[in-house]
Amino acid sequence: RTDAGLSILVPHGLAALEDADMVIIPSWKDLEAPLAKPLEDALGRAHRRGALIVGLCLGTFAIAAAGLLSGRKATTHWAYTEQLRALHPDISVDADVLYVDDGD
């Protein structure tokens, strides 16, 4: 259940990322906490095999923590762009766009 009162049903574990064509991270709770190693590894494997990785709003923080945005342009919720810059100085954060499509 999200802070906004929505329920997100996740019927599969991380193993589902092995075959997923698209992985969507809808948000993220603890923006400064490191990713759990199994999630970091699963995201990395999905990315390397060509899955589309999507971070919605604060989901960008999880993708950044996995190292998938290093050297790239990205954005997040406008109220958190400075925090993204501070935590991940290797990312070119664009606060003036709603999304960034880097093709993968």
PDB file of N, CA and C in Angstrom:
ATOM      1  N   ARG A   1       0.855  -1.179   0.000  1.00  0.00           N
ATOM      2  CA  ARG A   1       0.000   0.000   0.000  1.00  0.00           C
ATOM      3  C   ARG A   1       0.897   1.237   0.000  1.00  0.00           C
ATOM      4  N   THR A   2       0.582   2.186  -0.872  1.00  0.00           N
ATOM      5  CA  THR A   2       1.387   3.397  -0.974  1.00  0.00           C
ATOM      6  C   THR A   2       0.922   4.441   0.038  1.00  0.00           C
ATOM      7  N   ASP A   3       1.724   5.488   0.206  1.00  0.00           N
ATOM      8  CA  ASP A   3       1.344   6.592   1.086  1.00  0.00           C
ATOM      9  C   ASP A   3       0.085   7.306   0.587  1.00  0.00           C
ATOM     10  N   ALA A   4      -0.191   7.182  -0.713  1.00  0.00           N
ATOM     11  CA  ALA A   4      -1.372   7.813  -1.302  1.00  0.00           C
ATOM     12  C   ALA A   4      -2.610   6.930  -1.189  1.00  0.00           C
ATOM     13  N   GLY A   5      -2.455   5.740  -0.566  1.00  0.00           N
ATOM     14  CA  GLY A   5      -3.589   4.863  -0.361  1.00  0.00           C
ATOM     15  C   GLY A   5      -3.827   3.851  -1.469  1.00  0.00           C
ATOM     16  N   LEU A   6      -2.965   3.803  -2.447  1.00  0.00           N
ATOM     17  CA  LEU A   6      -3.113   2.844  -3.541  1.00  0.00           C
ATOM     18  C   LEU A   6      -2.446   1.525  -3.176  1.00  0.00           C
ATOM     19  N   SER A   7      -3.003   0.451  -3.656  1.00  0.00           N
ATOM     20  CA  SER A   7      -2.388  -0.856  -3.465  1.00  0.00           C
ATOM     21  C   SER A   7      -1.709  -1.269  -4.762  1.00  0.00           C
ATOM     22  N   ILE A   8      -0.508  -1.786  -4.646  1.00  0.00           N
ATOM     23  CA  ILE A   8       0.221  -2.290  -5.799  1.00  0.00           C
ATOM     24  C   ILE A   8       0.398  -3.786  -5.590  1.00  0.00           C
ATOM     25  N   LEU A   9      -0.188  -4.559  -6.475  1.00  0.00           N
ATOM     26  CA  LEU A   9      -0.102  -6.012  -6.385  1.00  0.00           C
ATOM     27  C   LEU A   9       1.130  -6.479  -7.154  1.00  0.00           C
ATOM     28  N   VAL A  10       1.999  -7.197  -6.475  1.00  0.00           N
ATOM     29  CA  VAL A  10       3.207  -7.731  -7.104  1.00  0.00           C
ATOM     30  C   VAL A  10       3.134  -9.251  -6.971  1.00  0.00           C
ATOM     31  N   PRO A  11       2.596  -9.915  -8.005  1.00  0.00           N
ATOM     32  CA  PRO A  11       2.374 -11.352  -7.897  1.00  0.00           C
ATOM     33  C   PRO A  11       3.617 -12.212  -8.118  1.00  0.00           C
ATOM     34  N   HIS A  12       4.722 -11.603  -8.540  1.00  0.00           N
ATOM     35  CA  HIS A  12       5.923 -12.363  -8.848  1.00  0.00           C
ATOM     36  C   HIS A  12       7.115 -11.812  -8.079  1.00  0.00           C
ATOM     37  N   GLY A  13       8.087 -12.644  -7.832  1.00  0.00           N
ATOM     38  CA  GLY A  13       9.318 -12.225  -7.173  1.00  0.00           C
ATOM     39  C   GLY A  13      10.323 -11.692  -8.185  1.00  0.00           C
ATOM     40  N   LEU A  14      11.550 -11.485  -7.719  1.00  0.00           N
ATOM     41  CA  LEU A  14      12.603 -10.933  -8.570  1.00  0.00           C
ATOM     42  C   LEU A  14      12.928 -11.835  -9.755  1.00  0.00           C
ATOM     43  N   ALA A  15      12.643 -13.116  -9.639  1.00  0.00           N
ATOM     44  CA  ALA A  15      12.922 -14.034 -10.750  1.00  0.00           C
ATOM     45  C   ALA A  15      12.164 -13.616 -12.013  1.00  0.00           C
ATOM     46  N   ALA A  16      11.047 -12.932 -11.867  1.00  0.00           N
ATOM     47  CA  ALA A  16      10.267 -12.481 -13.023  1.00  0.00           C
ATOM     48  C   ALA A  16      11.051 -11.479 -13.878  1.00  0.00           C
ATOM     49  N   LEU A  17      12.019 -10.800 -13.291  1.00  0.00           N
ATOM     50  CA  LEU A  17      12.824  -9.847 -14.048  1.00  0.00           C
ATOM     51  C   LEU A  17      13.699 -10.541 -15.082  1.00  0.00           C
ATOM     52  N   GLU A  18      13.945 -11.824 -14.897  1.00  0.00           N
ATOM     53  CA  GLU A  18      14.800 -12.575 -15.823  1.00  0.00           C
ATOM     54  C   GLU A  18      14.178 -12.669 -17.214  1.00  0.00           C
ATOM     55  N   ASP A  19      12.847 -12.621 -17.308  1.00  0.00           N
ATOM     56  CA  ASP A  19      12.165 -12.748 -18.591  1.00  0.00           C
ATOM     57  C   ASP A  19      11.379 -11.499 -18.983  1.00  0.00           C
ATOM     58  N   ALA A  20      11.363 -10.509 -18.131  1.00  0.00           N
ATOM     59  CA  ALA A  20      10.540  -9.321 -18.387  1.00  0.00           C
ATOM     60  C   ALA A  20      11.109  -8.498 -19.540  1.00  0.00           C
ATOM     61  N   ASP A  21      10.212  -8.027 -20.396  1.00  0.00           N
ATOM     62  CA  ASP A  21      10.611  -7.110 -21.464  1.00  0.00           C
ATOM     63  C   ASP A  21      10.701  -5.677 -20.941  1.00  0.00           C
ATOM     64  N   MET A  22       9.923  -5.409 -19.883  1.00  0.00           N
ATOM     65  CA  MET A  22       9.890  -4.080 -19.284  1.00  0.00           C
ATOM     66  C   MET A  22       9.820  -4.226 -17.769  1.00  0.00           C
ATOM     67  N   VAL A  23      10.636  -3.434 -17.078  1.00  0.00           N
ATOM     68  CA  VAL A  23      10.634  -3.419 -15.614  1.00  0.00           C
ATOM     69  C   VAL A  23      10.281  -1.998 -15.195  1.00  0.00           C
ATOM     70  N   ILE A  24       9.211  -1.862 -14.423  1.00  0.00           N
ATOM     71  CA  ILE A  24       8.758  -0.544 -13.981  1.00  0.00           C
ATOM     72  C   ILE A  24       8.926  -0.446 -12.473  1.00  0.00           C
ATOM     73  N   ILE A  25       9.667   0.564 -12.033  1.00  0.00           N
ATOM     74  CA  ILE A  25       9.804   0.862 -10.610  1.00  0.00           C
ATOM     75  C   ILE A  25       8.878   2.063 -10.370  1.00  0.00           C
ATOM     76  N   PRO A  26       7.709   1.853  -9.739  1.00  0.00           N
ATOM     77  CA  PRO A  26       6.714   2.917  -9.654  1.00  0.00           C
ATOM     78  C   PRO A  26       7.048   4.031  -8.670  1.00  0.00           C
ATOM     79  N   SER A  27       7.831   3.750  -7.675  1.00  0.00           N
ATOM     80  CA  SER A  27       8.216   4.757  -6.692  1.00  0.00           C
ATOM     81  C   SER A  27       9.323   4.159  -5.836  1.00  0.00           C
ATOM     82  N   TRP A  28       9.729   4.882  -4.820  1.00  0.00           N
ATOM     83  CA  TRP A  28      10.763   4.371  -3.927  1.00  0.00           C
ATOM     84  C   TRP A  28      10.595   5.054  -2.593  1.00  0.00           C
ATOM     85  N   LYS A  29      10.754   4.314  -1.502  1.00  0.00           N
ATOM     86  CA  LYS A  29      10.477   4.842  -0.166  1.00  0.00           C
ATOM     87  C   LYS A  29      11.695   5.533   0.457  1.00  0.00           C
ATOM     88  N   ASP A  30      12.786   4.780   0.640  1.00  0.00           N
ATOM     89  CA  ASP A  30      13.966   5.323   1.309  1.00  0.00           C
ATOM     90  C   ASP A  30      15.002   5.699   0.262  1.00  0.00           C
ATOM     91  N   LEU A  31      15.012   6.957  -0.119  1.00  0.00           N
ATOM     92  CA  LEU A  31      15.808   7.421  -1.253  1.00  0.00           C
ATOM     93  C   LEU A  31      17.310   7.314  -1.032  1.00  0.00           C
ATOM     94  N   GLU A  32      17.746   7.319   0.215  1.00  0.00           N
ATOM     95  CA  GLU A  32      19.178   7.289   0.494  1.00  0.00           C
ATOM     96  C   GLU A  32      19.701   5.906   0.860  1.00  0.00           C
ATOM     97  N   ALA A  33      18.820   4.951   1.051  1.00  0.00           N
ATOM     98  CA  ALA A  33      19.248   3.601   1.432  1.00  0.00           C
ATOM     99  C   ALA A  33      19.795   2.868   0.209  1.00  0.00           C
ATOM    100  N   PRO A  34      20.831   2.073   0.414  1.00  0.00           N
ATOM    101  CA  PRO A  34      21.330   1.275  -0.709  1.00  0.00           C
ATOM    102  C   PRO A  34      20.291   0.228  -1.111  1.00  0.00           C
ATOM    103  N   LEU A  35      20.338  -0.153  -2.368  1.00  0.00           N
ATOM    104  CA  LEU A  35      19.444  -1.209  -2.835  1.00  0.00           C
ATOM    105  C   LEU A  35      19.845  -2.538  -2.227  1.00  0.00           C
ATOM    106  N   ALA A  36      18.869  -3.376  -2.023  1.00  0.00           N
ATOM    107  CA  ALA A  36      19.172  -4.751  -1.635  1.00  0.00           C
ATOM    108  C   ALA A  36      19.934  -5.374  -2.808  1.00  0.00           C
ATOM    109  N   LYS A  37      20.985  -6.091  -2.500  1.00  0.00           N
ATOM    110  CA  LYS A  37      21.849  -6.672  -3.530  1.00  0.00           C
ATOM    111  C   LYS A  37      21.070  -7.533  -4.533  1.00  0.00           C
ATOM    112  N   PRO A  38      20.122  -8.378  -4.093  1.00  0.00           N
ATOM    113  CA  PRO A  38      19.369  -9.165  -5.088  1.00  0.00           C
ATOM    114  C   PRO A  38      18.602  -8.297  -6.091  1.00  0.00           C
ATOM    115  N   LEU A  39      18.035  -7.175  -5.639  1.00  0.00           N
ATOM    116  CA  LEU A  39      17.329  -6.272  -6.553  1.00  0.00           C
ATOM    117  C   LEU A  39      18.320  -5.593  -7.485  1.00  0.00           C
ATOM    118  N   GLU A  40      19.425  -5.113  -6.947  1.00  0.00           N
ATOM    119  CA  GLU A  40      20.451  -4.474  -7.773  1.00  0.00           C
ATOM    120  C   GLU A  40      20.926  -5.428  -8.875  1.00  0.00           C
ATOM    121  N   ASP A  41      21.202  -6.660  -8.503  1.00  0.00           N
ATOM    122  CA  ASP A  41      21.668  -7.651  -9.475  1.00  0.00           C
ATOM    123  C   ASP A  41      20.605  -7.953 -10.520  1.00  0.00           C
ATOM    124  N   ALA A  42      19.345  -8.100 -10.094  1.00  0.00           N
ATOM    125  CA  ALA A  42      18.256  -8.412 -11.022  1.00  0.00           C
ATOM    126  C   ALA A  42      18.035  -7.275 -12.015  1.00  0.00           C
ATOM    127  N   LEU A  43      18.089  -6.035 -11.541  1.00  0.00           N
ATOM    128  CA  LEU A  43      17.945  -4.885 -12.441  1.00  0.00           C
ATOM    129  C   LEU A  43      19.097  -4.831 -13.436  1.00  0.00           C
ATOM    130  N   GLY A  44      20.300  -5.070 -12.950  1.00  0.00           N
ATOM    131  CA  GLY A  44      21.464  -5.065 -13.834  1.00  0.00           C
ATOM    132  C   GLY A  44      21.369  -6.132 -14.920  1.00  0.00           C
ATOM    133  N   ARG A  45      20.971  -7.344 -14.545  1.00  0.00           N
ATOM    134  CA  ARG A  45      20.827  -8.425 -15.533  1.00  0.00           C
ATOM    135  C   ARG A  45      19.741  -8.087 -16.552  1.00  0.00           C
ATOM    136  N   ALA A  46      18.612  -7.554 -16.080  1.00  0.00           N
ATOM    137  CA  ALA A  46      17.523  -7.188 -16.991  1.00  0.00           C
ATOM    138  C   ALA A  46      17.988  -6.120 -17.978  1.00  0.00           C
ATOM    139  N   HIS A  47      18.710  -5.141 -17.470  1.00  0.00           N
ATOM    140  CA  HIS A  47      19.217  -4.066 -18.329  1.00  0.00           C
ATOM    141  C   HIS A  47      20.209  -4.600 -19.357  1.00  0.00           C
ATOM    142  N   ARG A  48      21.127  -5.438 -18.922  1.00  0.00           N
ATOM    143  CA  ARG A  48      22.152  -5.973 -19.839  1.00  0.00           C
ATOM    144  C   ARG A  48      21.548  -6.815 -20.954  1.00  0.00           C
ATOM    145  N   ARG A  49      20.457  -7.491 -20.689  1.00  0.00           N
ATOM    146  CA  ARG A  49      19.862  -8.322 -21.732  1.00  0.00           C
ATOM    147  C   ARG A  49      18.857  -7.546 -22.586  1.00  0.00           C
ATOM    148  N   GLY A  50      18.680  -6.255 -22.287  1.00  0.00           N
ATOM    149  CA  GLY A  50      17.884  -5.403 -23.158  1.00  0.00           C
ATOM    150  C   GLY A  50      16.485  -5.065 -22.696  1.00  0.00           C
ATOM    151  N   ALA A  51      16.122  -5.399 -21.469  1.00  0.00           N
ATOM    152  CA  ALA A  51      14.790  -5.022 -20.972  1.00  0.00           C
ATOM    153  C   ALA A  51      14.700  -3.501 -20.843  1.00  0.00           C
ATOM    154  N   LEU A  52      13.531  -2.966 -21.107  1.00  0.00           N
ATOM    155  CA  LEU A  52      13.277  -1.543 -20.912  1.00  0.00           C
ATOM    156  C   LEU A  52      13.104  -1.316 -19.412  1.00  0.00           C
ATOM    157  N   ILE A  53      13.883  -0.412 -18.846  1.00  0.00           N
ATOM    158  CA  ILE A  53      13.818  -0.117 -17.418  1.00  0.00           C
ATOM    159  C   ILE A  53      13.174   1.261 -17.251  1.00  0.00           C
ATOM    160  N   VAL A  54      12.079   1.326 -16.485  1.00  0.00           N
ATOM    161  CA  VAL A  54      11.310   2.556 -16.322  1.00  0.00           C
ATOM    162  C   VAL A  54      11.224   2.907 -14.845  1.00  0.00           C
ATOM    163  N   GLY A  55      11.593   4.120 -14.513  1.00  0.00           N
ATOM    164  CA  GLY A  55      11.417   4.629 -13.156  1.00  0.00           C
ATOM    165  C   GLY A  55      10.357   5.702 -13.182  1.00  0.00           C
ATOM    166  N   LEU A  56       9.264   5.474 -12.486  1.00  0.00           N
ATOM    167  CA  LEU A  56       8.225   6.493 -12.399  1.00  0.00           C
ATOM    168  C   LEU A  56       8.466   7.324 -11.151  1.00  0.00           C
ATOM    169  N   CYS A  57       8.552   8.621 -11.355  1.00  0.00           N
ATOM    170  CA  CYS A  57       8.701   9.538 -10.225  1.00  0.00           C
ATOM    171  C   CYS A  57       9.937   9.176  -9.398  1.00  0.00           C
ATOM    172  N   LEU A  58       9.755   8.752  -8.166  1.00  0.00           N
ATOM    173  CA  LEU A  58      10.885   8.455  -7.290  1.00  0.00           C
ATOM    174  C   LEU A  58      11.511   7.097  -7.580  1.00  0.00           C
ATOM    175  N   GLY A  59      10.931   6.327  -8.481  1.00  0.00           N
ATOM    176  CA  GLY A  59      11.545   5.081  -8.909  1.00  0.00           C
ATOM    177  C   GLY A  59      12.908   5.308  -9.538  1.00  0.00           C
ATOM    178  N   THR A  60      13.132   6.526 -10.010  1.00  0.00           N
ATOM    179  CA  THR A  60      14.438   6.893 -10.562  1.00  0.00           C
ATOM    180  C   THR A  60      15.553   6.642  -9.553  1.00  0.00           C
ATOM    181  N   PHE A  61      15.276   6.838  -8.273  1.00  0.00           N
ATOM    182  CA  PHE A  61      16.301   6.655  -7.249  1.00  0.00           C
ATOM    183  C   PHE A  61      16.775   5.206  -7.175  1.00  0.00           C
ATOM    184  N   ALA A  62      15.873   4.260  -7.349  1.00  0.00           N
ATOM    185  CA  ALA A  62      16.252   2.848  -7.328  1.00  0.00           C
ATOM    186  C   ALA A  62      17.115   2.515  -8.538  1.00  0.00           C
ATOM    187  N   ILE A  63      16.742   3.027  -9.691  1.00  0.00           N
ATOM    188  CA  ILE A  63      17.517   2.763 -10.905  1.00  0.00           C
ATOM    189  C   ILE A  63      18.890   3.416 -10.800  1.00  0.00           C
ATOM    190  N   ALA A  64      18.934   4.608 -10.235  1.00  0.00           N
ATOM    191  CA  ALA A  64      20.222   5.281 -10.020  1.00  0.00           C
ATOM    192  C   ALA A  64      21.087   4.496  -9.042  1.00  0.00           C
ATOM    193  N   ALA A  65      20.488   4.005  -7.972  1.00  0.00           N
ATOM    194  CA  ALA A  65      21.233   3.239  -6.969  1.00  0.00           C
ATOM    195  C   ALA A  65      21.787   1.942  -7.553  1.00  0.00           C
ATOM    196  N   ALA A  66      21.127   1.421  -8.580  1.00  0.00           N
ATOM    197  CA  ALA A  66      21.611   0.211  -9.250  1.00  0.00           C
ATOM    198  C   ALA A  66      22.758   0.524 -10.211  1.00  0.00           C
ATOM    199  N   GLY A  67      23.062   1.826 -10.384  1.00  0.00           N
ATOM    200  CA  GLY A  67      24.159   2.225 -11.259  1.00  0.00           C
ATOM    201  C   GLY A  67      23.778   2.308 -12.725  1.00  0.00           C
ATOM    202  N   LEU A  68      22.497   2.198 -13.036  1.00  0.00           N
ATOM    203  CA  LEU A  68      22.069   2.167 -14.432  1.00  0.00           C
ATOM    204  C   LEU A  68      21.949   3.542 -15.074  1.00  0.00           C
ATOM    205  N   LEU A  69      22.065   4.594 -14.286  1.00  0.00           N
ATOM    206  CA  LEU A  69      21.949   5.950 -14.830  1.00  0.00           C
ATOM    207  C   LEU A  69      23.280   6.702 -14.845  1.00  0.00           C
ATOM    208  N   SER A  70      24.322   6.062 -14.417  1.00  0.00           N
ATOM    209  CA  SER A  70      25.637   6.700 -14.373  1.00  0.00           C
ATOM    210  C   SER A  70      26.043   7.212 -15.756  1.00  0.00           C
ATOM    211  N   GLY A  71      26.396   8.500 -15.817  1.00  0.00           N
ATOM    212  CA  GLY A  71      26.804   9.109 -17.072  1.00  0.00           C
ATOM    213  C   GLY A  71      25.655   9.447 -18.003  1.00  0.00           C
ATOM    214  N   ARG A  72      24.440   9.338 -17.506  1.00  0.00           N
ATOM    215  CA  ARG A  72      23.262   9.595 -18.336  1.00  0.00           C
ATOM    216  C   ARG A  72      22.462  10.785 -17.824  1.00  0.00           C
ATOM    217  N   LYS A  73      21.514  11.200 -18.631  1.00  0.00           N
ATOM    218  CA  LYS A  73      20.560  12.228 -18.257  1.00  0.00           C
ATOM    219  C   LYS A  73      19.341  11.542 -17.644  1.00  0.00           C
ATOM    220  N   ALA A  74      18.779  12.124 -16.583  1.00  0.00           N
ATOM    221  CA  ALA A  74      17.602  11.558 -15.920  1.00  0.00           C
ATOM    222  C   ALA A  74      16.824  12.677 -15.248  1.00  0.00           C
ATOM    223  N   THR A  75      15.622  12.332 -14.822  1.00  0.00           N
ATOM    224  CA  THR A  75      14.807  13.265 -14.047  1.00  0.00           C
ATOM    225  C   THR A  75      14.029  12.477 -12.998  1.00  0.00           C
ATOM    226  N   THR A  76      13.376  13.203 -12.116  1.00  0.00           N
ATOM    227  CA  THR A  76      12.526  12.615 -11.091  1.00  0.00           C
ATOM    228  C   THR A  76      11.487  13.656 -10.712  1.00  0.00           C
ATOM    229  N   HIS A  77      10.701  13.370  -9.710  1.00  0.00           N
ATOM    230  CA  HIS A  77       9.721  14.349  -9.223  1.00  0.00           C
ATOM    231  C   HIS A  77      10.447  15.659  -8.938  1.00  0.00           C
ATOM    232  N   TRP A  78       9.870  16.766  -9.366  1.00  0.00           N
ATOM    233  CA  TRP A  78      10.535  18.062  -9.263  1.00  0.00           C
ATOM    234  C   TRP A  78      11.008  18.389  -7.847  1.00  0.00           C
ATOM    235  N   ALA A  79      10.294  17.950  -6.835  1.00  0.00           N
ATOM    236  CA  ALA A  79      10.662  18.278  -5.457  1.00  0.00           C
ATOM    237  C   ALA A  79      11.890  17.502  -4.979  1.00  0.00           C
ATOM    238  N   TYR A  80      12.351  16.526  -5.770  1.00  0.00           N
ATOM    239  CA  TYR A  80      13.464  15.675  -5.346  1.00  0.00           C
ATOM    240  C   TYR A  80      14.665  15.731  -6.290  1.00  0.00           C
ATOM    241  N   THR A  81      14.642  16.643  -7.267  1.00  0.00           N
ATOM    242  CA  THR A  81      15.750  16.681  -8.224  1.00  0.00           C
ATOM    243  C   THR A  81      17.072  17.044  -7.551  1.00  0.00           C
ATOM    244  N   GLU A  82      17.046  17.951  -6.603  1.00  0.00           N
ATOM    245  CA  GLU A  82      18.296  18.323  -5.920  1.00  0.00           C
ATOM    246  C   GLU A  82      18.844  17.157  -5.095  1.00  0.00           C
ATOM    247  N   GLN A  83      17.964  16.379  -4.499  1.00  0.00           N
ATOM    248  CA  GLN A  83      18.399  15.218  -3.734  1.00  0.00           C
ATOM    249  C   GLN A  83      19.000  14.162  -4.665  1.00  0.00           C
ATOM    250  N   LEU A  84      18.407  13.984  -5.832  1.00  0.00           N
ATOM    251  CA  LEU A  84      18.964  13.051  -6.809  1.00  0.00           C
ATOM    252  C   LEU A  84      20.355  13.507  -7.237  1.00  0.00           C
ATOM    253  N   ARG A  85      20.503  14.805  -7.493  1.00  0.00           N
ATOM    254  CA  ARG A  85      21.822  15.356  -7.861  1.00  0.00           C
ATOM    255  C   ARG A  85      22.848  15.111  -6.758  1.00  0.00           C
ATOM    256  N   ALA A  86      22.455  15.359  -5.518  1.00  0.00           N
ATOM    257  CA  ALA A  86      23.380  15.219  -4.394  1.00  0.00           C
ATOM    258  C   ALA A  86      23.789  13.760  -4.179  1.00  0.00           C
ATOM    259  N   LEU A  87      22.841  12.851  -4.292  1.00  0.00           N
ATOM    260  CA  LEU A  87      23.138  11.436  -4.058  1.00  0.00           C
ATOM    261  C   LEU A  87      23.868  10.777  -5.227  1.00  0.00           C
ATOM    262  N   HIS A  88      23.626  11.292  -6.422  1.00  0.00           N
ATOM    263  CA  HIS A  88      24.188  10.665  -7.621  1.00  0.00           C
ATOM    264  C   HIS A  88      24.786  11.738  -8.538  1.00  0.00           C
ATOM    265  N   PRO A  89      25.929  12.297  -8.149  1.00  0.00           N
ATOM    266  CA  PRO A  89      26.534  13.367  -8.958  1.00  0.00           C
ATOM    267  C   PRO A  89      27.001  12.898 -10.337  1.00  0.00           C
ATOM    268  N   ASP A  90      27.009  11.597 -10.570  1.00  0.00           N
ATOM    269  CA  ASP A  90      27.406  11.053 -11.872  1.00  0.00           C
ATOM    270  C   ASP A  90      26.259  11.061 -12.883  1.00  0.00           C
ATOM    271  N   ILE A  91      25.097  11.557 -12.475  1.00  0.00           N
ATOM    272  CA  ILE A  91      23.925  11.637 -13.343  1.00  0.00           C
ATOM    273  C   ILE A  91      23.678  13.094 -13.705  1.00  0.00           C
ATOM    274  N   SER A  92      23.347  13.350 -14.959  1.00  0.00           N
ATOM    275  CA  SER A  92      22.964  14.690 -15.395  1.00  0.00           C
ATOM    276  C   SER A  92      21.464  14.833 -15.159  1.00  0.00           C
ATOM    277  N   VAL A  93      21.090  15.492 -14.066  1.00  0.00           N
ATOM    278  CA  VAL A  93      19.685  15.604 -13.672  1.00  0.00           C
ATOM    279  C   VAL A  93      19.050  16.817 -14.355  1.00  0.00           C
ATOM    280  N   ASP A  94      17.973  16.588 -15.073  1.00  0.00           N
ATOM    281  CA  ASP A  94      17.235  17.647 -15.751  1.00  0.00           C
ATOM    282  C   ASP A  94      15.905  17.847 -15.028  1.00  0.00           C
ATOM    283  N   ALA A  95      15.803  18.931 -14.285  1.00  0.00           N
ATOM    284  CA  ALA A  95      14.600  19.211 -13.496  1.00  0.00           C
ATOM    285  C   ALA A  95      13.484  19.826 -14.342  1.00  0.00           C
ATOM    286  N   ASP A  96      13.765  20.143 -15.600  1.00  0.00           N
ATOM    287  CA  ASP A  96      12.811  20.856 -16.426  1.00  0.00           C
ATOM    288  C   ASP A  96      12.032  19.983 -17.409  1.00  0.00           C
ATOM    289  N   VAL A  97      12.119  18.672 -17.242  1.00  0.00           N
ATOM    290  CA  VAL A  97      11.380  17.772 -18.130  1.00  0.00           C
ATOM    291  C   VAL A  97      10.559  16.798 -17.294  1.00  0.00           C
ATOM    292  N   LEU A  98       9.526  16.216 -17.898  1.00  0.00           N
ATOM    293  CA  LEU A  98       8.697  15.238 -17.198  1.00  0.00           C
ATOM    294  C   LEU A  98       9.284  13.837 -17.281  1.00  0.00           C
ATOM    295  N   TYR A  99      10.018  13.555 -18.347  1.00  0.00           N
ATOM    296  CA  TYR A  99      10.638  12.235 -18.489  1.00  0.00           C
ATOM    297  C   TYR A  99      11.852  12.332 -19.399  1.00  0.00           C
ATOM    298  N   VAL A 100      12.705  11.333 -19.301  1.00  0.00           N
ATOM    299  CA  VAL A 100      13.862  11.202 -20.169  1.00  0.00           C
ATOM    300  C   VAL A 100      13.792   9.816 -20.786  1.00  0.00           C
ATOM    301  N   ASP A 101      13.863   9.756 -22.099  1.00  0.00           N
ATOM    302  CA  ASP A 101      13.883   8.475 -22.802  1.00  0.00           C
ATOM    303  C   ASP A 101      15.279   8.314 -23.398  1.00  0.00           C
ATOM    304  N   ASP A 102      16.055   7.433 -22.787  1.00  0.00           N
ATOM    305  CA  ASP A 102      17.409   7.182 -23.274  1.00  0.00           C
ATOM    306  C   ASP A 102      17.449   5.897 -24.105  1.00  0.00           C
ATOM    307  N   GLY A 103      16.271   5.428 -24.496  1.00  0.00           N
ATOM    308  CA  GLY A 103      16.188   4.279 -25.364  1.00  0.00           C
ATOM    309  C   GLY A 103      16.170   2.937 -24.681  1.00  0.00           C
ATOM    310  N   ASP A 104      16.555   2.904 -23.397  1.00  0.00           N
ATOM    311  CA  ASP A 104      16.575   1.615 -22.698  1.00  0.00           C
ATOM    312  C   ASP A 104      16.149   1.751 -21.255  1.00  0.00           C
TER     313      ASP A 104
END
